[in-house]
Amino acid sequence: MTDTGKTRAQELLGDTAPELVRLTDDVLFGQVWADPALSQRDRSLITVSVLAALGRTEQLRSHLRRAIDNGLSTDELATAMTHVAFYAGWPAGMTGATELKKITQE
């Protein structure tokens, strides 16, 4: 929840896409992220790696912040972006590292 008492999805999409908001809140974060089979830390590492590999920088920024909140260090995330560079392409790793730098300088 944010300061307004709304979820991030509710703030971003409001009444524009209520079903997408519901699925985001109830399924993605209510079920998938809550599944104890993986830790929040592990889920964050997977998520930032996939988002970097796909070039989804808008979501990457918020998930990098979440990854840090979930216990990943900036060094670990930088190492993950180096790993991404070799498996998903140099631009993907560089973009991920650039986004990490931006959020750590905020």
PDB file of N, CA and C in Angstrom:
ATOM      1  N   MET A   1       0.829  -1.187   0.000  1.00  0.00           N
ATOM      2  CA  MET A   1       0.000   0.000   0.000  1.00  0.00           C
ATOM      3  C   MET A   1       0.875   1.251   0.000  1.00  0.00           C
ATOM      4  N   THR A   2       0.377   2.261  -0.658  1.00  0.00           N
ATOM      5  CA  THR A   2       1.087   3.531  -0.707  1.00  0.00           C
ATOM      6  C   THR A   2       0.538   4.458   0.380  1.00  0.00           C
ATOM      7  N   ASP A   3       1.047   5.669   0.418  1.00  0.00           N
ATOM      8  CA  ASP A   3       0.597   6.648   1.409  1.00  0.00           C
ATOM      9  C   ASP A   3      -0.890   6.969   1.274  1.00  0.00           C
ATOM     10  N   THR A   4      -1.441   6.774   0.086  1.00  0.00           N
ATOM     11  CA  THR A   4      -2.854   7.074  -0.162  1.00  0.00           C
ATOM     12  C   THR A   4      -3.772   5.940   0.262  1.00  0.00           C
ATOM     13  N   GLY A   5      -3.203   4.798   0.683  1.00  0.00           N
ATOM     14  CA  GLY A   5      -4.005   3.648   1.044  1.00  0.00           C
ATOM     15  C   GLY A   5      -4.363   2.780  -0.152  1.00  0.00           C
ATOM     16  N   LYS A   6      -3.846   3.138  -1.310  1.00  0.00           N
ATOM     17  CA  LYS A   6      -4.094   2.367  -2.527  1.00  0.00           C
ATOM     18  C   LYS A   6      -2.849   1.561  -2.867  1.00  0.00           C
ATOM     19  N   THR A   7      -3.054   0.471  -3.589  1.00  0.00           N
ATOM     20  CA  THR A   7      -1.901  -0.276  -4.088  1.00  0.00           C
ATOM     21  C   THR A   7      -1.262   0.530  -5.211  1.00  0.00           C
ATOM     22  N   ARG A   8      -0.052   0.164  -5.559  1.00  0.00           N
ATOM     23  CA  ARG A   8       0.646   0.855  -6.662  1.00  0.00           C
ATOM     24  C   ARG A   8      -0.135   0.703  -7.963  1.00  0.00           C
ATOM     25  N   ALA A   9      -0.679  -0.481  -8.203  1.00  0.00           N
ATOM     26  CA  ALA A   9      -1.473  -0.703  -9.415  1.00  0.00           C
ATOM     27  C   ALA A   9      -2.712   0.193  -9.426  1.00  0.00           C
ATOM     28  N   GLN A  10      -3.360   0.345  -8.278  1.00  0.00           N
ATOM     29  CA  GLN A  10      -4.530   1.219  -8.188  1.00  0.00           C
ATOM     30  C   GLN A  10      -4.158   2.666  -8.488  1.00  0.00           C
ATOM     31  N   GLU A  11      -3.011   3.102  -7.970  1.00  0.00           N
ATOM     32  CA  GLU A  11      -2.559   4.465  -8.249  1.00  0.00           C
ATOM     33  C   GLU A  11      -2.229   4.661  -9.725  1.00  0.00           C
ATOM     34  N   LEU A  12      -1.548   3.686 -10.325  1.00  0.00           N
ATOM     35  CA  LEU A  12      -1.121   3.814 -11.720  1.00  0.00           C
ATOM     36  C   LEU A  12      -2.281   3.750 -12.702  1.00  0.00           C
ATOM     37  N   LEU A  13      -3.204   2.817 -12.463  1.00  0.00           N
ATOM     38  CA  LEU A  13      -4.240   2.566 -13.453  1.00  0.00           C
ATOM     39  C   LEU A  13      -5.636   2.976 -13.028  1.00  0.00           C
ATOM     40  N   GLY A  14      -5.824   3.173 -11.729  1.00  0.00           N
ATOM     41  CA  GLY A  14      -7.115   3.641 -11.245  1.00  0.00           C
ATOM     42  C   GLY A  14      -8.281   2.939 -11.907  1.00  0.00           C
ATOM     43  N   ASP A  15      -9.182   3.743 -12.472  1.00  0.00           N
ATOM     44  CA  ASP A  15     -10.371   3.209 -13.127  1.00  0.00           C
ATOM     45  C   ASP A  15     -10.128   2.845 -14.580  1.00  0.00           C
ATOM     46  N   THR A  16      -8.934   3.083 -15.093  1.00  0.00           N
ATOM     47  CA  THR A  16      -8.646   2.828 -16.504  1.00  0.00           C
ATOM     48  C   THR A  16      -8.697   1.348 -16.844  1.00  0.00           C
ATOM     49  N   ALA A  17      -8.114   0.525 -16.000  1.00  0.00           N
ATOM     50  CA  ALA A  17      -8.060  -0.917 -16.262  1.00  0.00           C
ATOM     51  C   ALA A  17      -8.308  -1.676 -14.961  1.00  0.00           C
ATOM     52  N   PRO A  18      -9.533  -1.640 -14.448  1.00  0.00           N
ATOM     53  CA  PRO A  18      -9.801  -2.243 -13.138  1.00  0.00           C
ATOM     54  C   PRO A  18      -9.531  -3.749 -13.068  1.00  0.00           C
ATOM     55  N   GLU A  19      -9.761  -4.480 -14.156  1.00  0.00           N
ATOM     56  CA  GLU A  19      -9.504  -5.920 -14.123  1.00  0.00           C
ATOM     57  C   GLU A  19      -8.005  -6.203 -14.054  1.00  0.00           C
ATOM     58  N   LEU A  20      -7.204  -5.425 -14.767  1.00  0.00           N
ATOM     59  CA  LEU A  20      -5.754  -5.577 -14.693  1.00  0.00           C
ATOM     60  C   LEU A  20      -5.260  -5.244 -13.289  1.00  0.00           C
ATOM     61  N   VAL A  21      -5.826  -4.228 -12.677  1.00  0.00           N
ATOM     62  CA  VAL A  21      -5.480  -3.874 -11.297  1.00  0.00           C
ATOM     63  C   VAL A  21      -5.836  -5.026 -10.358  1.00  0.00           C
ATOM     64  N   ARG A  22      -7.024  -5.590 -10.522  1.00  0.00           N
ATOM     65  CA  ARG A  22      -7.449  -6.693  -9.660  1.00  0.00           C
ATOM     66  C   ARG A  22      -6.511  -7.891  -9.811  1.00  0.00           C
ATOM     67  N   LEU A  23      -6.178  -8.243 -11.054  1.00  0.00           N
ATOM     68  CA  LEU A  23      -5.275  -9.369 -11.288  1.00  0.00           C
ATOM     69  C   LEU A  23      -3.883  -9.097 -10.721  1.00  0.00           C
ATOM     70  N   THR A  24      -3.418  -7.874 -10.867  1.00  0.00           N
ATOM     71  CA  THR A  24      -2.111  -7.500 -10.317  1.00  0.00           C
ATOM     72  C   THR A  24      -2.110  -7.654  -8.806  1.00  0.00           C
ATOM     73  N   ASP A  25      -3.127  -7.090  -8.174  1.00  0.00           N
ATOM     74  CA  ASP A  25      -3.177  -7.109  -6.709  1.00  0.00           C
ATOM     75  C   ASP A  25      -3.484  -8.491  -6.149  1.00  0.00           C
ATOM     76  N   ASP A  26      -4.495  -9.162  -6.717  1.00  0.00           N
ATOM     77  CA  ASP A  26      -4.960 -10.429  -6.148  1.00  0.00           C
ATOM     78  C   ASP A  26      -4.133 -11.639  -6.581  1.00  0.00           C
ATOM     79  N   VAL A  27      -3.790 -11.691  -7.866  1.00  0.00           N
ATOM     80  CA  VAL A  27      -3.099 -12.879  -8.365  1.00  0.00           C
ATOM     81  C   VAL A  27      -1.583 -12.701  -8.305  1.00  0.00           C
ATOM     82  N   LEU A  28      -1.080 -11.682  -9.001  1.00  0.00           N
ATOM     83  CA  LEU A  28       0.382 -11.526  -9.056  1.00  0.00           C
ATOM     84  C   LEU A  28       0.978 -11.325  -7.665  1.00  0.00           C
ATOM     85  N   PHE A  29       0.503 -10.292  -6.956  1.00  0.00           N
ATOM     86  CA  PHE A  29       1.092 -10.022  -5.650  1.00  0.00           C
ATOM     87  C   PHE A  29       0.404 -10.771  -4.522  1.00  0.00           C
ATOM     88  N   GLY A  30      -0.869 -11.114  -4.686  1.00  0.00           N
ATOM     89  CA  GLY A  30      -1.596 -11.836  -3.647  1.00  0.00           C
ATOM     90  C   GLY A  30      -1.314 -13.318  -3.610  1.00  0.00           C
ATOM     91  N   GLN A  31      -1.034 -13.920  -4.778  1.00  0.00           N
ATOM     92  CA  GLN A  31      -0.789 -15.361  -4.826  1.00  0.00           C
ATOM     93  C   GLN A  31       0.636 -15.697  -5.254  1.00  0.00           C
ATOM     94  N   VAL A  32       1.039 -15.213  -6.422  1.00  0.00           N
ATOM     95  CA  VAL A  32       2.343 -15.600  -6.964  1.00  0.00           C
ATOM     96  C   VAL A  32       3.474 -15.135  -6.053  1.00  0.00           C
ATOM     97  N   TRP A  33       3.509 -13.850  -5.737  1.00  0.00           N
ATOM     98  CA  TRP A  33       4.583 -13.338  -4.880  1.00  0.00           C
ATOM     99  C   TRP A  33       4.493 -13.877  -3.452  1.00  0.00           C
ATOM    100  N   ALA A  34       3.304 -14.291  -3.025  1.00  0.00           N
ATOM    101  CA  ALA A  34       3.120 -14.790  -1.662  1.00  0.00           C
ATOM    102  C   ALA A  34       3.441 -16.271  -1.507  1.00  0.00           C
ATOM    103  N   ASP A  35       3.606 -16.985  -2.607  1.00  0.00           N
ATOM    104  CA  ASP A  35       3.897 -18.423  -2.554  1.00  0.00           C
ATOM    105  C   ASP A  35       5.215 -18.657  -1.825  1.00  0.00           C
ATOM    106  N   PRO A  36       5.194 -19.443  -0.750  1.00  0.00           N
ATOM    107  CA  PRO A  36       6.407 -19.642   0.049  1.00  0.00           C
ATOM    108  C   PRO A  36       7.462 -20.537  -0.611  1.00  0.00           C
ATOM    109  N   ALA A  37       7.189 -21.069  -1.795  1.00  0.00           N
ATOM    110  CA  ALA A  37       8.173 -21.938  -2.460  1.00  0.00           C
ATOM    111  C   ALA A  37       9.453 -21.185  -2.814  1.00  0.00           C
ATOM    112  N   LEU A  38       9.345 -19.884  -3.021  1.00  0.00           N
ATOM    113  CA  LEU A  38      10.521 -19.025  -3.236  1.00  0.00           C
ATOM    114  C   LEU A  38      10.446 -17.858  -2.277  1.00  0.00           C
ATOM    115  N   SER A  39      11.595 -17.415  -1.809  1.00  0.00           N
ATOM    116  CA  SER A  39      11.627 -16.244  -0.934  1.00  0.00           C
ATOM    117  C   SER A  39      11.357 -14.980  -1.752  1.00  0.00           C
ATOM    118  N   GLN A  40      10.975 -13.930  -1.062  1.00  0.00           N
ATOM    119  CA  GLN A  40      10.782 -12.633  -1.721  1.00  0.00           C
ATOM    120  C   GLN A  40      12.085 -12.174  -2.371  1.00  0.00           C
ATOM    121  N   ARG A  41      13.195 -12.438  -1.705  1.00  0.00           N
ATOM    122  CA  ARG A  41      14.516 -12.083  -2.234  1.00  0.00           C
ATOM    123  C   ARG A  41      14.773 -12.797  -3.560  1.00  0.00           C
ATOM    124  N   ASP A  42      14.521 -14.097  -3.585  1.00  0.00           N
ATOM    125  CA  ASP A  42      14.723 -14.874  -4.808  1.00  0.00           C
ATOM    126  C   ASP A  42      13.791 -14.400  -5.924  1.00  0.00           C
ATOM    127  N   ARG A  43      12.551 -14.143  -5.571  1.00  0.00           N
ATOM    128  CA  ARG A  43      11.595 -13.650  -6.579  1.00  0.00           C
ATOM    129  C   ARG A  43      12.068 -12.316  -7.154  1.00  0.00           C
ATOM    130  N   SER A  44      12.596 -11.459  -6.305  1.00  0.00           N
ATOM    131  CA  SER A  44      13.104 -10.172  -6.786  1.00  0.00           C
ATOM    132  C   SER A  44      14.277 -10.355  -7.734  1.00  0.00           C
ATOM    133  N   LEU A  45      15.191 -11.252  -7.396  1.00  0.00           N
ATOM    134  CA  LEU A  45      16.343 -11.497  -8.263  1.00  0.00           C
ATOM    135  C   LEU A  45      15.894 -12.013  -9.630  1.00  0.00           C
ATOM    136  N   ILE A  46      14.955 -12.934  -9.636  1.00  0.00           N
ATOM    137  CA  ILE A  46      14.411 -13.448 -10.898  1.00  0.00           C
ATOM    138  C   ILE A  46      13.724 -12.333 -11.672  1.00  0.00           C
ATOM    139  N   THR A  47      12.903 -11.568 -10.994  1.00  0.00           N
ATOM    140  CA  THR A  47      12.114 -10.530 -11.652  1.00  0.00           C
ATOM    141  C   THR A  47      12.995  -9.462 -12.279  1.00  0.00           C
ATOM    142  N   VAL A  48      13.987  -8.950 -11.542  1.00  0.00           N
ATOM    143  CA  VAL A  48      14.834  -7.901 -12.129  1.00  0.00           C
ATOM    144  C   VAL A  48      15.657  -8.448 -13.285  1.00  0.00           C
ATOM    145  N   SER A  49      16.057  -9.706 -13.203  1.00  0.00           N
ATOM    146  CA  SER A  49      16.819 -10.306 -14.303  1.00  0.00           C
ATOM    147  C   SER A  49      15.965 -10.418 -15.562  1.00  0.00           C
ATOM    148  N   VAL A  50      14.743 -10.878 -15.409  1.00  0.00           N
ATOM    149  CA  VAL A  50      13.846 -11.011 -16.563  1.00  0.00           C
ATOM    150  C   VAL A  50      13.485  -9.645 -17.128  1.00  0.00           C
ATOM    151  N   LEU A  51      13.166  -8.696 -16.268  1.00  0.00           N
ATOM    152  CA  LEU A  51      12.811  -7.360 -16.753  1.00  0.00           C
ATOM    153  C   LEU A  51      13.971  -6.703 -17.485  1.00  0.00           C
ATOM    154  N   ALA A  52      15.179  -6.873 -16.976  1.00  0.00           N
ATOM    155  CA  ALA A  52      16.362  -6.337 -17.664  1.00  0.00           C
ATOM    156  C   ALA A  52      16.538  -7.021 -19.012  1.00  0.00           C
ATOM    157  N   ALA A  53      16.401  -8.341 -19.033  1.00  0.00           N
ATOM    158  CA  ALA A  53      16.578  -9.107 -20.274  1.00  0.00           C
ATOM    159  C   ALA A  53      15.563  -8.684 -21.333  1.00  0.00           C
ATOM    160  N   LEU A  54      14.363  -8.346 -20.889  1.00  0.00           N
ATOM    161  CA  LEU A  54      13.305  -7.944 -21.822  1.00  0.00           C
ATOM    162  C   LEU A  54      13.306  -6.453 -22.127  1.00  0.00           C
ATOM    163  N   GLY A  55      14.162  -5.699 -21.444  1.00  0.00           N
ATOM    164  CA  GLY A  55      14.218  -4.257 -21.679  1.00  0.00           C
ATOM    165  C   GLY A  55      13.020  -3.498 -21.139  1.00  0.00           C
ATOM    166  N   ARG A  56      12.413  -4.012 -20.097  1.00  0.00           N
ATOM    167  CA  ARG A  56      11.224  -3.379 -19.496  1.00  0.00           C
ATOM    168  C   ARG A  56      11.649  -2.410 -18.388  1.00  0.00           C
ATOM    169  N   THR A  57      12.247  -1.289 -18.791  1.00  0.00           N
ATOM    170  CA  THR A  57      12.867  -0.394 -17.813  1.00  0.00           C
ATOM    171  C   THR A  57      11.875   0.259 -16.866  1.00  0.00           C
ATOM    172  N   GLU A  58      10.661   0.535 -17.304  1.00  0.00           N
ATOM    173  CA  GLU A  58       9.697   1.174 -16.395  1.00  0.00           C
ATOM    174  C   GLU A  58       9.419   0.287 -15.181  1.00  0.00           C
ATOM    175  N   GLN A  59       9.163  -0.993 -15.418  1.00  0.00           N
ATOM    176  CA  GLN A  59       8.935  -1.911 -14.305  1.00  0.00           C
ATOM    177  C   GLN A  59      10.238  -2.261 -13.593  1.00  0.00           C
ATOM    178  N   LEU A  60      11.347  -2.261 -14.327  1.00  0.00           N
ATOM    179  CA  LEU A  60      12.639  -2.598 -13.728  1.00  0.00           C
ATOM    180  C   LEU A  60      12.978  -1.652 -12.590  1.00  0.00           C
ATOM    181  N   ARG A  61      12.740  -0.364 -12.777  1.00  0.00           N
ATOM    182  CA  ARG A  61      13.070   0.614 -11.727  1.00  0.00           C
ATOM    183  C   ARG A  61      12.375   0.275 -10.407  1.00  0.00           C
ATOM    184  N   SER A  62      11.081   0.049 -10.474  1.00  0.00           N
ATOM    185  CA  SER A  62      10.355  -0.224  -9.227  1.00  0.00           C
ATOM    186  C   SER A  62      10.753  -1.572  -8.645  1.00  0.00           C
ATOM    187  N   HIS A  63      11.045  -2.543  -9.501  1.00  0.00           N
ATOM    188  CA  HIS A  63      11.440  -3.849  -8.984  1.00  0.00           C
ATOM    189  C   HIS A  63      12.875  -3.855  -8.457  1.00  0.00           C
ATOM    190  N   LEU A  64      13.728  -2.989  -8.957  1.00  0.00           N
ATOM    191  CA  LEU A  64      15.056  -2.851  -8.346  1.00  0.00           C
ATOM    192  C   LEU A  64      14.929  -2.302  -6.933  1.00  0.00           C
ATOM    193  N   ARG A  65      14.057  -1.315  -6.765  1.00  0.00           N
ATOM    194  CA  ARG A  65      13.815  -0.781  -5.413  1.00  0.00           C
ATOM    195  C   ARG A  65      13.266  -1.884  -4.505  1.00  0.00           C
ATOM    196  N   ARG A  66      12.310  -2.640  -5.033  1.00  0.00           N
ATOM    197  CA  ARG A  66      11.720  -3.734  -4.261  1.00  0.00           C
ATOM    198  C   ARG A  66      12.776  -4.783  -3.929  1.00  0.00           C
ATOM    199  N   ALA A  67      13.681  -5.069  -4.868  1.00  0.00           N
ATOM    200  CA  ALA A  67      14.747  -6.051  -4.635  1.00  0.00           C
ATOM    201  C   ALA A  67      15.631  -5.623  -3.471  1.00  0.00           C
ATOM    202  N   ILE A  68      15.951  -4.351  -3.422  1.00  0.00           N
ATOM    203  CA  ILE A  68      16.759  -3.838  -2.304  1.00  0.00           C
ATOM    204  C   ILE A  68      15.971  -3.972  -0.999  1.00  0.00           C
ATOM    205  N   ASP A  69      14.683  -3.630  -1.039  1.00  0.00           N
ATOM    206  CA  ASP A  69      13.835  -3.799   0.148  1.00  0.00           C
ATOM    207  C   ASP A  69      13.734  -5.269   0.557  1.00  0.00           C
ATOM    208  N   ASN A  70      13.845  -6.175  -0.419  1.00  0.00           N
ATOM    209  CA  ASN A  70      13.757  -7.611  -0.139  1.00  0.00           C
ATOM    210  C   ASN A  70      15.114  -8.230   0.203  1.00  0.00           C
ATOM    211  N   GLY A  71      16.137  -7.393   0.416  1.00  0.00           N
ATOM    212  CA  GLY A  71      17.400  -7.888   0.950  1.00  0.00           C
ATOM    213  C   GLY A  71      18.549  -8.042  -0.024  1.00  0.00           C
ATOM    214  N   LEU A  72      18.344  -7.722  -1.290  1.00  0.00           N
ATOM    215  CA  LEU A  72      19.460  -7.793  -2.240  1.00  0.00           C
ATOM    216  C   LEU A  72      20.297  -6.528  -2.130  1.00  0.00           C
ATOM    217  N   SER A  73      21.599  -6.687  -2.149  1.00  0.00           N
ATOM    218  CA  SER A  73      22.485  -5.521  -2.093  1.00  0.00           C
ATOM    219  C   SER A  73      22.683  -4.969  -3.499  1.00  0.00           C
ATOM    220  N   THR A  74      23.143  -3.745  -3.573  1.00  0.00           N
ATOM    221  CA  THR A  74      23.422  -3.169  -4.891  1.00  0.00           C
ATOM    222  C   THR A  74      24.550  -3.938  -5.582  1.00  0.00           C
ATOM    223  N   ASP A  75      25.506  -4.451  -4.819  1.00  0.00           N
ATOM    224  CA  ASP A  75      26.571  -5.272  -5.412  1.00  0.00           C
ATOM    225  C   ASP A  75      26.005  -6.556  -6.018  1.00  0.00           C
ATOM    226  N   GLU A  76      25.086  -7.181  -5.319  1.00  0.00           N
ATOM    227  CA  GLU A  76      24.470  -8.401  -5.853  1.00  0.00           C
ATOM    228  C   GLU A  76      23.669  -8.095  -7.118  1.00  0.00           C
ATOM    229  N   LEU A  77      22.954  -6.988  -7.113  1.00  0.00           N
ATOM    230  CA  LEU A  77      22.166  -6.618  -8.288  1.00  0.00           C
ATOM    231  C   LEU A  77      23.065  -6.250  -9.464  1.00  0.00           C
ATOM    232  N   ALA A  78      24.180  -5.586  -9.189  1.00  0.00           N
ATOM    233  CA  ALA A  78      25.142  -5.274 -10.255  1.00  0.00           C
ATOM    234  C   ALA A  78      25.719  -6.561 -10.841  1.00  0.00           C
ATOM    235  N   THR A  79      26.003  -7.520  -9.981  1.00  0.00           N
ATOM    236  CA  THR A  79      26.505  -8.809 -10.449  1.00  0.00           C
ATOM    237  C   THR A  79      25.454  -9.524 -11.292  1.00  0.00           C
ATOM    238  N   ALA A  80      24.206  -9.427 -10.883  1.00  0.00           N
ATOM    239  CA  ALA A  80      23.121 -10.027 -11.665  1.00  0.00           C
ATOM    240  C   ALA A  80      23.038  -9.388 -13.051  1.00  0.00           C
ATOM    241  N   MET A  81      23.213  -8.076 -13.137  1.00  0.00           N
ATOM    242  CA  MET A  81      23.152  -7.394 -14.434  1.00  0.00           C
ATOM    243  C   MET A  81      24.325  -7.805 -15.329  1.00  0.00           C
ATOM    244  N   THR A  82      25.488  -8.069 -14.727  1.00  0.00           N
ATOM    245  CA  THR A  82      26.620  -8.588 -15.497  1.00  0.00           C
ATOM    246  C   THR A  82      26.275  -9.970 -16.047  1.00  0.00           C
ATOM    247  N   HIS A  83      25.660 -10.790 -15.235  1.00  0.00           N
ATOM    248  CA  HIS A  83      25.238 -12.121 -15.659  1.00  0.00           C
ATOM    249  C   HIS A  83      24.211 -12.021 -16.790  1.00  0.00           C
ATOM    250  N   VAL A  84      23.251 -11.105 -16.631  1.00  0.00           N
ATOM    251  CA  VAL A  84      22.237 -10.873 -17.670  1.00  0.00           C
ATOM    252  C   VAL A  84      22.904 -10.495 -18.988  1.00  0.00           C
ATOM    253  N   ALA A  85      23.963  -9.683 -18.924  1.00  0.00           N
ATOM    254  CA  ALA A  85      24.644  -9.238 -20.147  1.00  0.00           C
ATOM    255  C   ALA A  85      25.138 -10.417 -20.976  1.00  0.00           C
ATOM    256  N   PHE A  86      25.608 -11.457 -20.323  1.00  0.00           N
ATOM    257  CA  PHE A  86      26.137 -12.608 -21.052  1.00  0.00           C
ATOM    258  C   PHE A  86      25.051 -13.536 -21.587  1.00  0.00           C
ATOM    259  N   TYR A  87      23.915 -13.575 -20.937  1.00  0.00           N
ATOM    260  CA  TYR A  87      22.854 -14.489 -21.366  1.00  0.00           C
ATOM    261  C   TYR A  87      21.756 -13.806 -22.176  1.00  0.00           C
ATOM    262  N   ALA A  88      21.526 -12.521 -21.954  1.00  0.00           N
ATOM    263  CA  ALA A  88      20.437 -11.826 -22.650  1.00  0.00           C
ATOM    264  C   ALA A  88      20.943 -10.739 -23.596  1.00  0.00           C
ATOM    265  N   GLY A  89      22.233 -10.507 -23.590  1.00  0.00           N
ATOM    266  CA  GLY A  89      22.815  -9.501 -24.465  1.00  0.00           C
ATOM    267  C   GLY A  89      23.382  -8.330 -23.693  1.00  0.00           C
ATOM    268  N   TRP A  90      24.457  -7.800 -24.250  1.00  0.00           N
ATOM    269  CA  TRP A  90      25.163  -6.703 -23.594  1.00  0.00           C
ATOM    270  C   TRP A  90      24.267  -5.503 -23.324  1.00  0.00           C
ATOM    271  N   PRO A  91      23.455  -5.069 -24.303  1.00  0.00           N
ATOM    272  CA  PRO A  91      22.583  -3.911 -24.040  1.00  0.00           C
ATOM    273  C   PRO A  91      21.641  -4.132 -22.856  1.00  0.00           C
ATOM    274  N   ALA A  92      21.121  -5.343 -22.704  1.00  0.00           N
ATOM    275  CA  ALA A  92      20.220  -5.627 -21.584  1.00  0.00           C
ATOM    276  C   ALA A  92      20.943  -5.486 -20.253  1.00  0.00           C
ATOM    277  N   GLY A  93      22.141  -6.014 -20.156  1.00  0.00           N
ATOM    278  CA  GLY A  93      22.915  -5.898 -18.918  1.00  0.00           C
ATOM    279  C   GLY A  93      23.308  -4.464 -18.620  1.00  0.00           C
ATOM    280  N   MET A  94      23.718  -3.754 -19.654  1.00  0.00           N
ATOM    281  CA  MET A  94      24.100  -2.348 -19.478  1.00  0.00           C
ATOM    282  C   MET A  94      22.905  -1.492 -19.066  1.00  0.00           C
ATOM    283  N   THR A  95      21.760  -1.744 -19.678  1.00  0.00           N
ATOM    284  CA  THR A  95      20.557  -0.993 -19.313  1.00  0.00           C
ATOM    285  C   THR A  95      20.170  -1.294 -17.872  1.00  0.00           C
ATOM    286  N   GLY A  96      20.220  -2.561 -17.486  1.00  0.00           N
ATOM    287  CA  GLY A  96      19.901  -2.923 -16.107  1.00  0.00           C
ATOM    288  C   GLY A  96      20.834  -2.257 -15.115  1.00  0.00           C
ATOM    289  N   ALA A  97      22.130  -2.255 -15.419  1.00  0.00           N
ATOM    290  CA  ALA A  97      23.105  -1.613 -14.534  1.00  0.00           C
ATOM    291  C   ALA A  97      22.892  -0.102 -14.481  1.00  0.00           C
ATOM    292  N   THR A  98      22.534   0.489 -15.608  1.00  0.00           N
ATOM    293  CA  THR A  98      22.263   1.932 -15.657  1.00  0.00           C
ATOM    294  C   THR A  98      21.051   2.284 -14.792  1.00  0.00           C
ATOM    295  N   GLU A  99      20.017   1.469 -14.877  1.00  0.00           N
ATOM    296  CA  GLU A  99      18.825   1.718 -14.054  1.00  0.00           C
ATOM    297  C   GLU A  99      19.148   1.535 -12.577  1.00  0.00           C
ATOM    298  N   LEU A 100      19.978   0.551 -12.256  1.00  0.00           N
ATOM    299  CA  LEU A 100      20.394   0.354 -10.873  1.00  0.00           C
ATOM    300  C   LEU A 100      21.139   1.580 -10.366  1.00  0.00           C
ATOM    301  N   LYS A 101      22.040   2.103 -11.180  1.00  0.00           N
ATOM    302  CA  LYS A 101      22.786   3.302 -10.801  1.00  0.00           C
ATOM    303  C   LYS A 101      21.834   4.465 -10.528  1.00  0.00           C
ATOM    304  N   LYS A 102      20.839   4.640 -11.391  1.00  0.00           N
ATOM    305  CA  LYS A 102      19.878   5.739 -11.219  1.00  0.00           C
ATOM    306  C   LYS A 102      19.139   5.635  -9.891  1.00  0.00           C
ATOM    307  N   ILE A 103      18.659   4.447  -9.563  1.00  0.00           N
ATOM    308  CA  ILE A 103      17.866   4.349  -8.335  1.00  0.00           C
ATOM    309  C   ILE A 103      18.732   4.435  -7.088  1.00  0.00           C
ATOM    310  N   THR A 104      19.998   4.054  -7.182  1.00  0.00           N
ATOM    311  CA  THR A 104      20.854   4.161  -5.997  1.00  0.00           C
ATOM    312  C   THR A 104      21.358   5.584  -5.789  1.00  0.00           C
ATOM    313  N   GLN A 105      21.227   6.416  -6.805  1.00  0.00           N
ATOM    314  CA  GLN A 105      21.634   7.821  -6.674  1.00  0.00           C
ATOM    315  C   GLN A 105      20.480   8.735  -6.312  1.00  0.00           C
ATOM    316  N   GLU A 106      19.273   8.188  -6.214  1.00  0.00           N
ATOM    317  CA  GLU A 106      18.096   9.015  -5.868  1.00  0.00           C
ATOM    318  C   GLU A 106      18.142   9.463  -4.429  1.00  0.00           C
TER     319      GLU A 106
END
